[in-house]
Amino acid sequence: MSYGLDIWPVAEDDIRSAARWYNSEQSGLGIDFAEEVYVAIDSLERNPFLYRVRVRYRRREIRWLFPKRFPYRVIYYVEGPAVRIFVFAVLHAKRSDRTWKERV
């Protein structure tokens, strides 16, 4: 079964910003970063419930996954009877939760 997927524009901005930074460090690394993040996001369509609800954020059922190669979190929630996945942030793993909490 495939689920609907919505990536918020602000999450797209997160990806572009991080990709620019990685490209400034090493040519082509930003492209690798973006590809890795989109592969991780695409995997959510097959099973968004694979990643557990974060205990502190149970009320909103916030979940996240980590792309394999980069220290970033893809932060999302699943909603509705038709089961839609909403990716609303892609942030460095060490960034404060306050950054994404303001978005939800």
C-alpha atoms as a PDB file:
ATOM      1  CA  MET A   1       0.000   0.000   0.000  1.00  0.00           C
ATOM      2  CA  SER A   2       1.240   3.470  -0.851  1.00  0.00           C
ATOM      3  CA  TYR A   3       0.397   6.499   1.266  1.00  0.00           C
ATOM      4  CA  GLY A   4      -0.004  10.126   0.207  1.00  0.00           C
ATOM      5  CA  LEU A   5       3.022  12.310   0.834  1.00  0.00           C
ATOM      6  CA  ASP A   6       3.186  16.084   1.309  1.00  0.00           C
ATOM      7  CA  ILE A   7       6.492  17.866   1.769  1.00  0.00           C
ATOM      8  CA  TRP A   8       5.999  21.329   3.204  1.00  0.00           C
ATOM      9  CA  PRO A   9       7.782  24.153   1.345  1.00  0.00           C
ATOM     10  CA  VAL A  10       9.745  24.986   4.488  1.00  0.00           C
ATOM     11  CA  ALA A  11      11.107  21.406   4.536  1.00  0.00           C
ATOM     12  CA  GLU A  12      12.137  21.815   0.887  1.00  0.00           C
ATOM     13  CA  ASP A  13      13.923  25.018   1.954  1.00  0.00           C
ATOM     14  CA  ASP A  14      15.708  23.049   4.694  1.00  0.00           C
ATOM     15  CA  ILE A  15      16.962  20.547   2.113  1.00  0.00           C
ATOM     16  CA  ARG A  16      18.122  23.247  -0.316  1.00  0.00           C
ATOM     17  CA  SER A  17      19.889  25.184   2.435  1.00  0.00           C
ATOM     18  CA  ALA A  18      21.753  22.125   3.717  1.00  0.00           C
ATOM     19  CA  ALA A  19      22.641  21.051   0.166  1.00  0.00           C
ATOM     20  CA  ARG A  20      24.146  24.497  -0.510  1.00  0.00           C
ATOM     21  CA  TRP A  21      26.206  24.229   2.651  1.00  0.00           C
ATOM     22  CA  TYR A  22      27.467  20.734   1.747  1.00  0.00           C
ATOM     23  CA  ASN A  23      28.362  21.964  -1.759  1.00  0.00           C
ATOM     24  CA  SER A  24      30.386  24.795  -0.242  1.00  0.00           C
ATOM     25  CA  GLU A  25      32.360  22.198   1.712  1.00  0.00           C
ATOM     26  CA  GLN A  26      32.907  19.816  -1.208  1.00  0.00           C
ATOM     27  CA  SER A  27      31.676  20.040  -4.757  1.00  0.00           C
ATOM     28  CA  GLY A  28      28.868  17.565  -5.453  1.00  0.00           C
ATOM     29  CA  LEU A  29      28.292  16.674  -1.822  1.00  0.00           C
ATOM     30  CA  GLY A  30      25.101  18.749  -1.728  1.00  0.00           C
ATOM     31  CA  ILE A  31      23.646  16.671  -4.537  1.00  0.00           C
ATOM     32  CA  ASP A  32      24.509  13.502  -2.620  1.00  0.00           C
ATOM     33  CA  PHE A  33      22.822  14.953   0.468  1.00  0.00           C
ATOM     34  CA  ALA A  34      19.617  15.882  -1.374  1.00  0.00           C
ATOM     35  CA  GLU A  35      19.429  12.472  -3.067  1.00  0.00           C
ATOM     36  CA  GLU A  36      19.912  10.661   0.244  1.00  0.00           C
ATOM     37  CA  VAL A  37      17.199  12.735   1.941  1.00  0.00           C
ATOM     38  CA  TYR A  38      14.708  12.174  -0.882  1.00  0.00           C
ATOM     39  CA  VAL A  39      15.386   8.429  -0.839  1.00  0.00           C
ATOM     40  CA  ALA A  40      14.598   8.456   2.897  1.00  0.00           C
ATOM     41  CA  ILE A  41      11.428  10.502   2.334  1.00  0.00           C
ATOM     42  CA  ASP A  42      10.293   8.225  -0.500  1.00  0.00           C
ATOM     43  CA  SER A  43      10.671   5.215   1.809  1.00  0.00           C
ATOM     44  CA  LEU A  44       7.955   6.710   4.027  1.00  0.00           C
ATOM     45  CA  GLU A  45       5.346   6.114   1.332  1.00  0.00           C
ATOM     46  CA  ARG A  46       5.738   2.364   1.735  1.00  0.00           C
ATOM     47  CA  ASN A  47       5.442   2.325   5.538  1.00  0.00           C
ATOM     48  CA  PRO A  48       5.242   5.611   7.472  1.00  0.00           C
ATOM     49  CA  PHE A  49       4.582   3.690  10.700  1.00  0.00           C
ATOM     50  CA  LEU A  50       7.968   1.967  10.615  1.00  0.00           C
ATOM     51  CA  TYR A  51       9.455   4.740  12.764  1.00  0.00           C
ATOM     52  CA  ARG A  52       8.112   5.092  16.265  1.00  0.00           C
ATOM     53  CA  VAL A  53       6.264   8.073  17.692  1.00  0.00           C
ATOM     54  CA  ARG A  54       8.674  10.158  19.740  1.00  0.00           C
ATOM     55  CA  VAL A  55       7.585   9.828  23.373  1.00  0.00           C
ATOM     56  CA  ARG A  56       7.784  13.532  24.150  1.00  0.00           C
ATOM     57  CA  TYR A  57       5.648  14.389  21.125  1.00  0.00           C
ATOM     58  CA  ARG A  58       2.897  11.779  21.415  1.00  0.00           C
ATOM     59  CA  ARG A  59       0.047  14.275  21.263  1.00  0.00           C
ATOM     60  CA  ARG A  60       0.896  15.167  17.672  1.00  0.00           C
ATOM     61  CA  GLU A  61       2.421  11.752  16.852  1.00  0.00           C
ATOM     62  CA  ILE A  62       5.658  13.261  15.607  1.00  0.00           C
ATOM     63  CA  ARG A  63       8.065  10.760  14.077  1.00  0.00           C
ATOM     64  CA  TRP A  64      11.449  11.080  12.480  1.00  0.00           C
ATOM     65  CA  LEU A  65      13.919   9.095  10.488  1.00  0.00           C
ATOM     66  CA  PHE A  66      17.591   9.563   9.818  1.00  0.00           C
ATOM     67  CA  PRO A  67      19.016   9.384   6.288  1.00  0.00           C
ATOM     68  CA  LYS A  68      21.814   6.827   6.143  1.00  0.00           C
ATOM     69  CA  ARG A  69      24.793   9.023   5.380  1.00  0.00           C
ATOM     70  CA  PHE A  70      24.121  12.454   6.863  1.00  0.00           C
ATOM     71  CA  PRO A  71      23.352  13.598  10.435  1.00  0.00           C
ATOM     72  CA  TYR A  72      19.916  14.996   9.650  1.00  0.00           C
ATOM     73  CA  ARG A  73      16.388  14.204  10.802  1.00  0.00           C
ATOM     74  CA  VAL A  74      13.401  14.028   8.488  1.00  0.00           C
ATOM     75  CA  ILE A  75      10.581  15.046  10.830  1.00  0.00           C
ATOM     76  CA  TYR A  76       7.019  14.123   9.913  1.00  0.00           C
ATOM     77  CA  TYR A  77       3.579  13.103  11.114  1.00  0.00           C
ATOM     78  CA  VAL A  78       0.860  10.880   9.684  1.00  0.00           C
ATOM     79  CA  GLU A  79      -2.736  12.065   9.654  1.00  0.00           C
ATOM     80  CA  GLY A  80      -6.256  11.224   8.614  1.00  0.00           C
ATOM     81  CA  PRO A  81      -8.281   8.221   7.513  1.00  0.00           C
ATOM     82  CA  ALA A  82      -6.761   8.399   4.021  1.00  0.00           C
ATOM     83  CA  VAL A  83      -3.351   8.387   5.715  1.00  0.00           C
ATOM     84  CA  ARG A  84      -1.338  11.353   4.507  1.00  0.00           C
ATOM     85  CA  ILE A  85       2.287  11.848   5.462  1.00  0.00           C
ATOM     86  CA  PHE A  86       3.400  15.408   6.170  1.00  0.00           C
ATOM     87  CA  VAL A  87       7.149  16.095   6.126  1.00  0.00           C
ATOM     88  CA  PHE A  88       7.537  19.475   7.762  1.00  0.00           C
ATOM     89  CA  ALA A  89      11.231  19.696   8.646  1.00  0.00           C
ATOM     90  CA  VAL A  90      14.623  18.356   7.604  1.00  0.00           C
ATOM     91  CA  LEU A  91      17.103  19.539  10.210  1.00  0.00           C
ATOM     92  CA  HIS A  92      20.552  18.713  11.490  1.00  0.00           C
ATOM     93  CA  ALA A  93      20.250  16.092  14.232  1.00  0.00           C
ATOM     94  CA  LYS A  94      21.883  18.375  16.807  1.00  0.00           C
ATOM     95  CA  ARG A  95      19.565  21.335  16.234  1.00  0.00           C
ATOM     96  CA  SER A  96      17.148  22.172  18.984  1.00  0.00           C
ATOM     97  CA  ASP A  97      13.644  20.728  18.819  1.00  0.00           C
ATOM     98  CA  ARG A  98      12.415  24.283  19.271  1.00  0.00           C
ATOM     99  CA  THR A  99      13.226  24.905  15.592  1.00  0.00           C
ATOM    100  CA  TRP A 100      10.689  22.430  14.258  1.00  0.00           C
ATOM    101  CA  LYS A 101       8.148  22.761  17.074  1.00  0.00           C
ATOM    102  CA  GLU A 102       7.363  26.277  15.878  1.00  0.00           C
ATOM    103  CA  ARG A 103       6.216  24.818  12.569  1.00  0.00           C
ATOM    104  CA  VAL A 104       3.571  22.429  13.837  1.00  0.00           C
END
